[in-house]
N, C-alpha and C. Protein backbone atom coordinates (compact mmCIF):
# COMPACT_ATOMS: atom_id res chain seq x y z
N MET A 1 127.92 10.24 17.27
CA MET A 1 127.95 9.10 16.26
C MET A 1 126.62 9.65 15.58
N SER A 2 126.38 9.60 14.31
CA SER A 2 125.26 9.46 13.90
C SER A 2 124.28 8.48 13.89
N ALA A 3 123.00 8.67 14.10
CA ALA A 3 122.13 7.58 14.12
C ALA A 3 121.69 6.64 12.59
N GLU A 4 122.28 7.66 11.86
CA GLU A 4 121.95 7.19 10.21
C GLU A 4 122.86 5.52 10.07
N PRO A 5 122.05 4.73 9.37
CA PRO A 5 122.90 3.78 9.03
C PRO A 5 124.11 3.91 8.19
N PRO A 6 124.87 3.18 7.94
CA PRO A 6 126.13 3.18 7.26
C PRO A 6 125.75 3.44 5.42
N LEU A 7 126.47 4.10 4.52
CA LEU A 7 126.44 4.66 3.22
C LEU A 7 127.21 3.34 2.26
N VAL A 8 126.29 2.89 1.63
CA VAL A 8 127.03 1.80 1.10
C VAL A 8 126.89 2.27 -0.93
N LEU A 9 127.91 2.72 -1.59
CA LEU A 9 127.66 2.82 -3.00
C LEU A 9 127.78 1.85 -3.77
N VAL A 10 126.95 1.40 -4.64
CA VAL A 10 126.85 0.37 -5.22
C VAL A 10 127.34 0.99 -6.98
N VAL A 11 128.56 0.17 -7.60
CA VAL A 11 128.93 0.55 -8.86
C VAL A 11 128.82 -0.72 -9.91
N GLU A 12 127.95 -0.76 -10.45
CA GLU A 12 127.65 -1.79 -11.72
C GLU A 12 127.11 -1.37 -12.85
N ASP A 13 127.93 -1.56 -14.04
CA ASP A 13 127.13 -1.00 -15.49
C ASP A 13 126.10 -1.99 -15.85
N GLU A 14 125.89 -3.38 -15.05
CA GLU A 14 124.68 -4.05 -15.48
C GLU A 14 123.33 -3.33 -14.41
N ARG A 15 122.70 -2.68 -15.08
CA ARG A 15 121.55 -1.96 -14.25
C ARG A 15 120.75 -2.83 -13.39
N ASP A 16 120.36 -4.19 -13.94
CA ASP A 16 119.26 -5.11 -13.01
C ASP A 16 120.39 -5.40 -12.09
N LEU A 17 121.43 -5.78 -12.24
CA LEU A 17 122.37 -6.46 -10.90
C LEU A 17 122.53 -5.51 -10.06
N ALA A 18 123.06 -4.09 -10.64
CA ALA A 18 123.27 -2.97 -9.61
C ALA A 18 121.86 -3.09 -8.80
N ASP A 19 120.66 -2.75 -9.44
CA ASP A 19 119.60 -2.61 -8.66
C ASP A 19 119.13 -3.58 -7.84
N LEU A 20 119.51 -4.83 -8.03
CA LEU A 20 119.47 -6.34 -6.92
C LEU A 20 120.02 -6.11 -5.86
N TYR A 21 121.50 -5.91 -6.19
CA TYR A 21 122.46 -5.26 -5.23
C TYR A 21 121.73 -4.36 -4.06
N ALA A 22 121.22 -3.12 -4.46
CA ALA A 22 120.42 -2.41 -3.89
C ALA A 22 119.74 -2.93 -3.12
N THR A 23 118.66 -3.44 -3.67
CA THR A 23 117.46 -4.30 -3.08
C THR A 23 117.94 -5.23 -1.69
N TRP A 24 118.97 -5.81 -1.91
CA TRP A 24 119.31 -6.73 -0.96
C TRP A 24 120.13 -5.60 0.29
N LEU A 25 120.66 -4.71 -0.11
CA LEU A 25 121.22 -4.20 1.02
C LEU A 25 120.36 -3.08 1.66
N ARG A 26 119.20 -2.86 1.09
CA ARG A 26 118.50 -1.37 1.40
C ARG A 26 118.06 -1.42 3.00
N GLY A 27 118.02 -3.07 3.44
CA GLY A 27 117.45 -3.16 4.79
C GLY A 27 118.13 -2.91 5.66
N GLU A 28 119.34 -2.76 5.53
CA GLU A 28 120.23 -2.47 6.93
C GLU A 28 121.10 -1.09 6.47
N TYR A 29 121.27 -0.92 5.42
CA TYR A 29 122.03 0.31 5.16
C TYR A 29 121.41 1.21 3.89
N ARG A 30 122.12 2.78 3.85
CA ARG A 30 121.46 3.43 2.96
C ARG A 30 122.30 3.27 1.72
N VAL A 31 121.76 3.21 0.72
CA VAL A 31 122.48 2.77 -0.88
C VAL A 31 122.53 4.06 -1.52
N ARG A 32 123.40 4.06 -2.30
CA ARG A 32 123.66 4.88 -3.62
C ARG A 32 123.83 3.96 -4.86
N VAL A 33 123.32 4.34 -5.87
CA VAL A 33 123.51 3.56 -7.32
C VAL A 33 124.39 4.09 -8.03
N ALA A 34 125.35 3.66 -8.84
CA ALA A 34 125.76 4.46 -10.13
C ALA A 34 126.15 3.21 -10.78
N TYR A 35 125.98 3.71 -12.29
CA TYR A 35 125.72 2.54 -12.97
C TYR A 35 127.19 2.60 -14.21
N ASP A 36 128.32 3.65 -14.02
CA ASP A 36 129.22 3.51 -14.61
C ASP A 36 130.49 4.33 -13.44
N GLY A 37 131.50 4.26 -13.99
CA GLY A 37 132.27 4.73 -13.03
C GLY A 37 132.44 6.21 -13.06
N ARG A 38 132.35 6.95 -14.23
CA ARG A 38 132.06 8.17 -14.05
C ARG A 38 130.91 8.79 -12.86
N GLU A 39 129.91 8.10 -12.86
CA GLU A 39 128.44 8.45 -11.89
C GLU A 39 129.01 8.09 -10.94
N ALA A 40 130.04 6.95 -10.70
CA ALA A 40 130.47 6.93 -9.38
C ALA A 40 131.03 7.61 -8.69
N ILE A 41 132.06 8.45 -9.46
CA ILE A 41 133.00 9.34 -8.81
C ILE A 41 131.83 10.55 -8.57
N GLU A 42 131.17 10.81 -9.25
CA GLU A 42 130.43 12.14 -8.97
C GLU A 42 128.98 11.68 -7.63
N LYS A 43 128.71 10.56 -7.74
CA LYS A 43 127.98 10.23 -6.28
C LYS A 43 129.02 10.19 -4.92
N PHE A 44 130.24 9.85 -5.12
CA PHE A 44 131.04 9.40 -4.09
C PHE A 44 131.39 10.76 -3.25
N ASP A 45 131.09 10.67 -1.95
CA ASP A 45 131.62 11.73 -1.05
C ASP A 45 131.96 11.25 0.35
N SER A 46 132.25 12.33 1.12
CA SER A 46 132.91 11.83 2.43
C SER A 46 131.51 10.78 3.24
N GLU A 47 130.70 10.80 2.66
CA GLU A 47 129.65 10.01 3.44
C GLU A 47 129.60 8.42 3.21
N VAL A 48 130.25 8.12 2.24
CA VAL A 48 130.34 6.81 1.72
C VAL A 48 131.05 5.93 2.46
N ASP A 49 130.53 4.96 3.12
CA ASP A 49 131.36 3.88 4.16
C ASP A 49 131.73 2.88 3.35
N VAL A 50 130.92 2.34 2.43
CA VAL A 50 131.55 1.14 1.70
C VAL A 50 131.28 1.29 0.24
N ALA A 51 132.34 1.16 -0.61
CA ALA A 51 131.91 1.09 -2.23
C ALA A 51 132.10 -0.31 -2.75
N LEU A 52 130.90 -0.64 -3.72
CA LEU A 52 131.14 -2.05 -4.26
C LEU A 52 131.27 -1.55 -5.46
N LEU A 53 132.51 -2.15 -5.97
CA LEU A 53 132.70 -1.85 -7.36
C LEU A 53 132.91 -2.58 -8.47
N ASP A 54 132.28 -2.95 -9.55
CA ASP A 54 132.50 -3.67 -10.78
C ASP A 54 133.86 -3.16 -11.09
N ARG A 55 134.65 -4.26 -11.50
CA ARG A 55 135.67 -4.25 -12.03
C ARG A 55 135.78 -3.92 -13.46
N ARG A 56 135.05 -4.43 -14.11
CA ARG A 56 134.86 -4.31 -15.58
C ARG A 56 133.87 -3.82 -16.28
N MET A 57 133.96 -2.20 -16.34
CA MET A 57 132.95 -1.33 -16.93
C MET A 57 133.60 -0.71 -18.00
N PRO A 58 132.64 -0.13 -18.72
CA PRO A 58 132.98 0.16 -20.43
C PRO A 58 133.21 1.81 -19.61
N ASP A 59 134.20 2.39 -20.90
CA ASP A 59 134.47 3.83 -20.55
C ASP A 59 135.61 3.91 -19.44
N LEU A 60 134.83 3.77 -18.30
CA LEU A 60 136.07 4.27 -16.82
C LEU A 60 135.83 2.62 -15.94
N SER A 61 137.13 1.88 -16.11
CA SER A 61 136.90 0.77 -15.56
C SER A 61 136.81 0.71 -14.16
N GLY A 62 136.44 -0.55 -13.26
CA GLY A 62 136.60 -0.42 -11.96
C GLY A 62 137.69 0.06 -11.23
N ASP A 63 138.97 -0.41 -11.88
CA ASP A 63 140.39 -0.23 -11.26
C ASP A 63 140.66 1.46 -11.44
N GLU A 64 140.09 1.94 -12.41
CA GLU A 64 140.24 3.47 -12.69
C GLU A 64 139.23 4.11 -11.91
N THR A 65 137.98 3.96 -11.61
CA THR A 65 137.35 4.25 -10.90
C THR A 65 137.72 4.14 -9.18
N LEU A 66 138.20 3.28 -8.98
CA LEU A 66 139.08 2.83 -7.61
C LEU A 66 140.19 3.85 -7.42
N GLU A 67 141.03 4.00 -8.37
CA GLU A 67 141.89 5.29 -8.51
C GLU A 67 141.34 6.42 -8.28
N ALA A 68 140.27 7.00 -8.92
CA ALA A 68 139.78 8.28 -8.96
C ALA A 68 139.02 8.39 -7.64
N ILE A 69 138.63 7.33 -6.89
CA ILE A 69 137.95 7.66 -5.64
C ILE A 69 138.92 8.22 -4.66
N ARG A 70 140.32 7.11 -4.65
CA ARG A 70 141.36 7.61 -3.64
C ARG A 70 142.00 8.82 -3.82
N GLU A 71 141.91 9.03 -5.19
CA GLU A 71 142.77 10.39 -5.49
C GLU A 71 141.57 11.43 -4.91
N LYS A 72 140.16 11.46 -4.86
CA LYS A 72 139.42 12.51 -4.17
C LYS A 72 139.41 12.20 -2.75
N GLY A 73 140.41 11.46 -2.23
CA GLY A 73 140.14 11.43 -0.68
C GLY A 73 139.35 10.70 -0.02
N GLY A 74 138.76 9.48 -0.86
CA GLY A 74 138.21 8.72 -0.29
C GLY A 74 138.91 7.66 0.25
N ASP A 75 138.29 7.60 1.88
CA ASP A 75 138.87 6.75 2.56
C ASP A 75 138.06 5.42 2.89
N CYS A 76 136.78 5.33 2.46
CA CYS A 76 136.05 4.10 2.53
C CYS A 76 136.46 3.29 2.18
N TRP A 77 135.83 2.01 2.81
CA TRP A 77 136.36 0.44 2.36
C TRP A 77 135.69 -0.02 0.80
N VAL A 78 136.43 -0.73 -0.07
CA VAL A 78 136.04 -0.82 -1.28
C VAL A 78 136.13 -2.24 -1.35
N ALA A 79 135.04 -3.09 -2.08
CA ALA A 79 135.22 -4.53 -2.37
C ALA A 79 134.92 -4.70 -3.90
N MET A 80 135.85 -5.15 -4.47
CA MET A 80 135.61 -5.28 -6.03
C MET A 80 134.91 -6.65 -6.01
N VAL A 81 133.52 -6.51 -6.88
CA VAL A 81 132.35 -7.38 -7.11
C VAL A 81 132.53 -7.46 -8.44
N THR A 82 132.97 -8.62 -9.21
CA THR A 82 132.98 -8.60 -10.38
C THR A 82 133.54 -10.27 -11.06
N ALA A 83 133.43 -10.24 -12.43
CA ALA A 83 133.32 -11.83 -12.98
C ALA A 83 135.05 -11.80 -13.12
N VAL A 84 136.07 -10.84 -13.01
CA VAL A 84 137.28 -10.77 -13.48
C VAL A 84 137.98 -11.71 -12.35
N GLU A 85 138.59 -12.86 -12.77
CA GLU A 85 139.49 -13.72 -11.82
C GLU A 85 140.55 -12.87 -11.61
N PRO A 86 140.76 -12.94 -10.30
CA PRO A 86 141.72 -12.14 -9.92
C PRO A 86 143.51 -12.71 -10.24
N ASP A 87 144.37 -11.67 -10.34
CA ASP A 87 145.51 -12.09 -10.40
C ASP A 87 146.71 -11.26 -9.77
N PHE A 88 147.80 -11.36 -9.99
CA PHE A 88 148.72 -10.70 -9.30
C PHE A 88 148.83 -9.15 -9.12
N ASP A 89 148.03 -8.80 -9.93
CA ASP A 89 147.75 -7.29 -10.06
C ASP A 89 147.25 -6.80 -9.18
N ILE A 90 146.31 -7.51 -8.33
CA ILE A 90 145.28 -7.12 -6.91
C ILE A 90 146.46 -6.44 -5.76
N VAL A 91 147.71 -7.23 -6.07
CA VAL A 91 148.55 -6.90 -4.61
C VAL A 91 148.77 -5.41 -4.79
N ALA A 92 148.53 -4.55 -5.83
CA ALA A 92 148.98 -2.93 -5.84
C ALA A 92 147.86 -2.23 -5.86
N MET A 93 146.57 -2.86 -5.88
CA MET A 93 145.52 -2.23 -6.04
C MET A 93 144.96 -1.91 -4.57
N GLY A 94 144.15 -0.57 -4.79
CA GLY A 94 143.87 -0.16 -3.44
C GLY A 94 142.52 -0.77 -3.05
N PHE A 95 142.23 -1.58 -3.12
CA PHE A 95 140.74 -2.41 -2.26
C PHE A 95 140.93 -3.22 -1.04
N ASP A 96 139.99 -3.40 -0.41
CA ASP A 96 139.96 -4.21 0.64
C ASP A 96 139.29 -5.68 0.46
N ASP A 97 138.70 -6.01 -0.25
CA ASP A 97 137.83 -7.20 -0.14
C ASP A 97 137.84 -7.36 -1.98
N TYR A 98 137.50 -8.62 -2.27
CA TYR A 98 137.20 -9.07 -3.49
C TYR A 98 136.18 -10.24 -3.94
N LEU A 99 135.25 -9.94 -4.33
CA LEU A 99 134.23 -11.14 -4.74
C LEU A 99 134.10 -11.44 -5.94
N VAL A 100 134.07 -12.53 -6.38
CA VAL A 100 133.92 -13.25 -7.77
C VAL A 100 132.46 -13.31 -8.14
N LYS A 101 131.85 -12.92 -9.03
CA LYS A 101 130.38 -12.91 -9.42
C LYS A 101 130.34 -14.56 -10.28
N PRO A 102 129.26 -15.11 -9.83
CA PRO A 102 128.11 -14.66 -9.18
C PRO A 102 128.31 -14.90 -7.91
N VAL A 103 127.51 -13.64 -7.20
CA VAL A 103 127.64 -13.32 -5.38
C VAL A 103 126.35 -13.77 -4.75
N THR A 104 126.10 -14.41 -3.69
CA THR A 104 124.84 -14.38 -3.33
C THR A 104 124.65 -13.44 -2.42
N ARG A 105 123.20 -13.15 -2.07
CA ARG A 105 122.74 -12.01 -0.71
C ARG A 105 123.79 -12.26 0.26
N GLU A 106 123.92 -13.25 0.55
CA GLU A 106 124.67 -13.30 1.86
C GLU A 106 126.13 -12.83 1.74
N ALA A 107 126.56 -13.49 1.05
CA ALA A 107 127.88 -13.07 0.68
C ALA A 107 128.28 -11.48 0.05
N LEU A 108 127.48 -10.87 -0.14
CA LEU A 108 127.24 -9.34 -0.59
C LEU A 108 127.10 -8.49 0.74
N ALA A 109 126.01 -9.07 1.46
CA ALA A 109 125.79 -8.48 2.68
C ALA A 109 126.89 -8.79 3.99
N GLY A 110 127.44 -9.97 3.85
CA GLY A 110 128.74 -10.36 4.70
C GLY A 110 129.78 -9.44 4.25
N THR A 111 130.03 -9.49 3.33
CA THR A 111 131.17 -8.60 2.78
C THR A 111 131.03 -7.27 3.10
N VAL A 112 129.97 -6.44 3.22
CA VAL A 112 129.84 -5.14 3.57
C VAL A 112 129.72 -5.21 5.31
N GLU A 113 129.00 -5.86 5.54
CA GLU A 113 129.15 -6.24 7.10
C GLU A 113 130.55 -6.09 7.68
N ASN A 114 131.54 -6.95 7.08
CA ASN A 114 132.90 -7.30 7.55
C ASN A 114 133.43 -5.90 7.45
N LEU A 115 133.60 -5.26 6.29
CA LEU A 115 134.10 -4.20 6.17
C LEU A 115 134.01 -3.20 7.24
N LEU A 116 132.68 -2.95 7.47
CA LEU A 116 132.37 -1.84 8.51
C LEU A 116 132.72 -2.23 9.55
N LEU A 117 133.10 -3.89 9.95
CA LEU A 117 133.55 -3.96 11.64
C LEU A 117 135.06 -3.73 11.73
N ARG A 118 135.77 -3.72 10.30
CA ARG A 118 137.14 -3.73 10.46
C ARG A 118 137.39 -1.85 10.71
N SER A 119 136.31 -0.95 10.66
CA SER A 119 136.59 0.46 10.90
C SER A 119 136.74 0.56 12.44
N THR A 120 136.69 -0.57 13.38
CA THR A 120 137.11 -0.59 14.75
C THR A 120 138.36 -0.87 14.83
N TYR A 121 138.94 -1.39 13.88
CA TYR A 121 140.53 -1.89 14.03
C TYR A 121 141.19 -0.93 13.88
N ASP A 122 142.45 -0.93 14.76
CA ASP A 122 143.62 -0.06 14.57
C ASP A 122 144.11 -0.26 12.85
N GLU A 123 144.94 0.75 12.54
CA GLU A 123 145.49 1.07 11.28
C GLU A 123 146.31 -0.41 10.75
N GLY A 124 146.94 -0.79 11.96
CA GLY A 124 147.74 -2.28 11.88
C GLY A 124 147.15 -3.49 11.39
N ILE A 125 145.94 -3.26 11.74
CA ILE A 125 145.18 -4.75 11.84
C ILE A 125 144.21 -4.41 10.63
N GLN A 126 143.86 -2.94 10.10
CA GLN A 126 143.21 -2.93 9.00
C GLN A 126 144.17 -3.23 7.72
N GLU A 127 145.39 -2.76 7.81
CA GLU A 127 146.28 -3.09 6.81
C GLU A 127 146.60 -4.76 6.73
N LEU A 128 146.38 -5.37 7.92
CA LEU A 128 146.65 -6.95 7.82
C LEU A 128 145.42 -7.39 7.25
N PHE A 129 144.36 -6.94 7.78
CA PHE A 129 142.87 -7.52 6.85
C PHE A 129 143.13 -7.14 5.57
N SER A 130 143.41 -6.43 5.09
CA SER A 130 143.42 -6.01 3.64
C SER A 130 144.37 -6.96 2.90
N LEU A 131 145.72 -7.14 3.12
CA LEU A 131 146.58 -7.85 2.81
C LEU A 131 146.48 -9.34 2.83
N ALA A 132 146.14 -9.60 3.95
CA ALA A 132 145.65 -11.09 4.13
C ALA A 132 144.42 -11.58 3.12
N SER A 133 143.17 -10.86 2.76
CA SER A 133 142.49 -11.22 2.21
C SER A 133 143.23 -11.28 0.53
N LYS A 134 144.27 -10.47 0.40
CA LYS A 134 144.69 -10.45 -0.95
C LYS A 134 145.55 -11.88 -1.06
N LYS A 135 146.36 -12.32 -0.12
CA LYS A 135 147.02 -13.54 0.09
C LYS A 135 146.14 -14.46 -0.25
N ALA A 136 144.88 -14.65 0.84
CA ALA A 136 144.46 -15.88 0.54
C ALA A 136 143.70 -16.00 -0.87
N LEU A 137 143.18 -14.73 -1.10
CA LEU A 137 142.51 -14.74 -2.53
C LEU A 137 143.51 -15.42 -3.75
N LEU A 138 145.15 -14.92 -3.79
CA LEU A 138 145.74 -15.61 -4.49
C LEU A 138 146.17 -16.91 -4.37
N GLU A 139 146.32 -17.41 -3.14
CA GLU A 139 146.45 -18.78 -2.77
C GLU A 139 145.35 -19.60 -3.32
N SER A 140 144.20 -19.03 -3.28
CA SER A 140 143.04 -19.92 -3.56
C SER A 140 142.80 -19.93 -5.40
N GLU A 141 143.64 -19.17 -6.02
CA GLU A 141 143.65 -19.06 -7.58
C GLU A 141 144.61 -19.62 -7.94
N LYS A 142 145.93 -19.37 -7.33
CA LYS A 142 147.33 -19.71 -8.00
C LYS A 142 148.05 -21.30 -7.36
N ASP A 143 148.55 -21.71 -8.49
CA ASP A 143 148.88 -23.04 -7.55
C ASP A 143 150.29 -22.67 -7.09
N PRO A 144 150.88 -23.72 -6.15
CA PRO A 144 151.83 -23.01 -5.25
C PRO A 144 153.02 -22.82 -6.05
N ALA A 145 153.46 -23.47 -6.66
CA ALA A 145 155.00 -23.31 -7.72
C ALA A 145 154.63 -21.99 -8.11
N THR A 146 153.29 -21.10 -8.74
CA THR A 146 153.50 -20.16 -9.45
C THR A 146 153.47 -19.06 -8.08
N LEU A 147 153.26 -19.22 -7.29
CA LEU A 147 153.40 -18.42 -5.84
C LEU A 147 154.50 -18.27 -5.53
N ALA A 148 155.25 -19.49 -5.46
CA ALA A 148 156.59 -19.35 -4.98
C ALA A 148 157.57 -18.62 -5.60
N ALA A 149 157.24 -18.55 -7.08
CA ALA A 149 158.16 -17.95 -7.97
C ALA A 149 157.63 -16.43 -8.06
N ASN A 150 156.58 -16.13 -7.37
CA ASN A 150 156.28 -14.85 -7.84
C ASN A 150 156.73 -13.69 -6.90
N GLU A 151 157.61 -12.67 -6.96
CA GLU A 151 158.38 -11.82 -6.17
C GLU A 151 157.08 -10.67 -5.57
N GLU A 152 155.85 -10.48 -5.78
CA GLU A 152 155.07 -9.65 -5.35
C GLU A 152 154.45 -10.31 -4.54
N TYR A 153 153.91 -11.78 -4.78
CA TYR A 153 153.37 -12.70 -3.57
C TYR A 153 154.28 -12.54 -2.63
N GLN A 154 155.67 -13.21 -2.67
CA GLN A 154 156.69 -13.14 -1.56
C GLN A 154 156.76 -11.96 -0.75
N ARG A 155 156.61 -10.78 -1.34
CA ARG A 155 156.54 -9.53 -0.46
C ARG A 155 155.46 -9.31 0.54
N LEU A 156 154.36 -9.79 -0.46
CA LEU A 156 152.86 -9.51 0.14
C LEU A 156 153.15 -10.77 1.37
N SER A 157 153.67 -11.82 1.19
CA SER A 157 153.48 -12.93 2.53
C SER A 157 154.68 -12.19 3.64
N GLU A 158 155.72 -11.62 3.40
CA GLU A 158 157.01 -11.07 4.28
C GLU A 158 155.85 -10.05 4.84
N ARG A 159 155.22 -9.18 4.17
CA ARG A 159 154.36 -7.95 4.85
C ARG A 159 153.22 -8.80 5.97
N VAL A 160 152.43 -9.55 5.50
CA VAL A 160 151.62 -10.32 6.28
C VAL A 160 152.07 -11.13 7.84
N ALA A 161 153.40 -11.66 7.53
CA ALA A 161 154.08 -12.13 8.51
C ALA A 161 154.56 -10.98 9.63
N GLU A 162 155.02 -9.86 8.81
CA GLU A 162 155.64 -8.79 9.76
C GLU A 162 154.58 -8.47 10.39
N LEU A 163 153.28 -7.72 9.73
CA LEU A 163 152.28 -7.08 10.74
C LEU A 163 151.86 -8.22 11.80
N ARG A 164 151.83 -9.38 11.29
CA ARG A 164 151.18 -10.42 12.31
C ARG A 164 151.99 -10.33 13.38
N ALA A 165 153.35 -10.49 13.23
CA ALA A 165 154.76 -10.40 14.45
C ALA A 165 154.00 -9.03 15.29
N GLU A 166 154.09 -7.70 14.54
CA GLU A 166 154.03 -6.65 15.41
C GLU A 166 152.77 -6.79 16.03
N LEU A 167 151.64 -7.06 15.58
CA LEU A 167 150.36 -7.60 16.32
C LEU A 167 150.41 -8.23 17.79
N ASP A 168 151.12 -9.41 17.44
CA ASP A 168 151.13 -10.26 18.38
C ASP A 168 152.12 -9.84 19.55
N GLU A 169 153.33 -8.76 19.10
CA GLU A 169 153.90 -8.08 20.22
C GLU A 169 152.84 -7.18 20.95
N THR A 170 152.15 -6.65 20.35
CA THR A 170 151.17 -5.65 21.09
C THR A 170 150.33 -6.70 21.71
N LEU A 171 149.78 -7.69 21.43
CA LEU A 171 148.90 -8.29 22.12
C LEU A 171 149.49 -8.81 23.74
N ALA A 172 150.90 -9.28 23.60
CA ALA A 172 151.67 -9.49 24.81
C ALA A 172 151.68 -8.48 25.62
N ASN A 173 151.48 -7.34 25.15
CA ASN A 173 151.48 -6.07 26.08
C ASN A 173 150.20 -5.76 26.88
N PHE A 174 149.13 -6.28 26.53
CA PHE A 174 147.98 -6.48 27.41
C PHE A 174 147.77 -7.23 28.52
N ASP A 175 147.24 -6.76 29.55
CA ASP A 175 146.84 -7.68 30.46
C ASP A 175 145.66 -8.54 30.47
N ASP A 176 144.55 -8.09 29.65
CA ASP A 176 143.67 -8.86 29.83
C ASP A 176 143.37 -9.00 28.17
N GLY A 177 143.85 -9.90 27.42
CA GLY A 177 143.62 -10.07 25.81
C GLY A 177 142.70 -10.86 25.32
N HIS A 178 141.59 -11.11 26.48
CA HIS A 178 140.53 -11.98 25.94
C HIS A 178 139.66 -11.45 24.26
N ASP A 179 139.41 -9.91 24.24
CA ASP A 179 138.78 -9.37 23.16
C ASP A 179 139.93 -9.53 22.21
N ILE A 180 141.12 -9.01 22.32
CA ILE A 180 142.08 -9.04 20.94
C ILE A 180 142.24 -10.57 20.53
N GLU A 181 142.31 -11.57 21.39
CA GLU A 181 142.33 -12.92 21.20
C GLU A 181 141.17 -13.40 20.24
N ALA A 182 139.88 -12.99 20.63
CA ALA A 182 138.51 -13.14 19.85
C ALA A 182 138.72 -12.69 18.62
N MET A 183 139.26 -11.43 18.41
CA MET A 183 139.43 -10.83 17.18
C MET A 183 140.43 -11.48 16.44
N TYR A 184 141.65 -11.94 16.88
CA TYR A 184 142.56 -12.75 15.90
C TYR A 184 141.66 -14.15 15.29
N ARG A 185 140.76 -14.41 16.37
CA ARG A 185 140.19 -15.97 15.84
C ARG A 185 139.41 -15.42 14.68
N ASP A 186 138.71 -14.25 14.80
CA ASP A 186 137.76 -13.73 13.75
C ASP A 186 138.51 -13.50 12.10
N LEU A 187 139.76 -13.40 12.32
CA LEU A 187 140.24 -13.36 11.12
C LEU A 187 140.45 -14.27 10.36
N GLY A 188 139.89 -15.57 11.03
CA GLY A 188 139.90 -17.13 10.06
C GLY A 188 141.01 -17.69 9.53
N ASP A 189 140.49 -17.92 8.52
CA ASP A 189 141.52 -18.98 7.80
C ASP A 189 142.52 -18.19 6.95
N ALA A 190 142.74 -16.93 6.61
CA ALA A 190 143.57 -16.21 6.06
C ALA A 190 144.90 -16.08 6.51
N PHE A 191 145.02 -16.67 7.83
CA PHE A 191 146.33 -16.48 8.69
C PHE A 191 146.83 -17.78 8.86
N ASP A 192 145.87 -19.32 8.91
CA ASP A 192 146.15 -20.30 9.25
C ASP A 192 147.08 -20.87 8.06
N ASP A 193 147.60 -20.50 6.91
CA ASP A 193 148.51 -21.04 6.14
C ASP A 193 149.48 -19.96 5.63
N GLU A 194 150.26 -19.78 6.66
CA GLU A 194 151.12 -18.70 6.32
C GLU A 194 152.47 -19.41 5.87
N SER A 195 152.54 -20.50 5.68
CA SER A 195 154.00 -21.16 5.32
C SER A 195 153.95 -21.02 3.73
N ASP A 196 155.05 -21.13 3.54
CA ASP A 196 155.58 -20.99 1.79
C ASP A 196 154.70 -22.09 1.14
N PRO A 197 153.95 -21.76 -0.06
CA PRO A 197 153.08 -22.58 -0.79
C PRO A 197 153.90 -23.81 -1.38
N GLY A 198 155.32 -23.80 -1.40
CA GLY A 198 156.11 -24.82 -2.04
C GLY A 198 156.11 -26.17 -1.16
């Protein structure tokens, strides 16, 4: 394992904001900064552990940048950091977390830390984290009737419940599940409200 700290790629077209995010993170992480999507693709490589992407950028949007990074073989964690309010289109996007601007230093650093912690969990839990984050985000932004009427949200809810059941079954097979139980507690409120929003 490398002694170097994790590498964070900050992608933000507002230079002052990009530089501020970089300053906030440099005490704990190595940081690369890109001021647009094309530069982000150039600066992205297998060393990047976390990418923080602005969703609304000129020329190449954050969505397109994310797609290009994934096509390039990027399996790093990605958080969208953006002023764009989330909508149902987030379900199909390949990011792992979503922060709505303005963000605080604590929120940004906490998001990077949480994404890096996810690296220690197996694939099923990683998928559960990602989908539960999207589900919780939609539930915070949409009214229950809108959620209940949306097929993508219903499929998302079903998949979260399915993954949770699979992980509960795995947990039952452990003799000493204390660490895993603690991990479940850390998932937080995203799983507390899995009932239908209606």
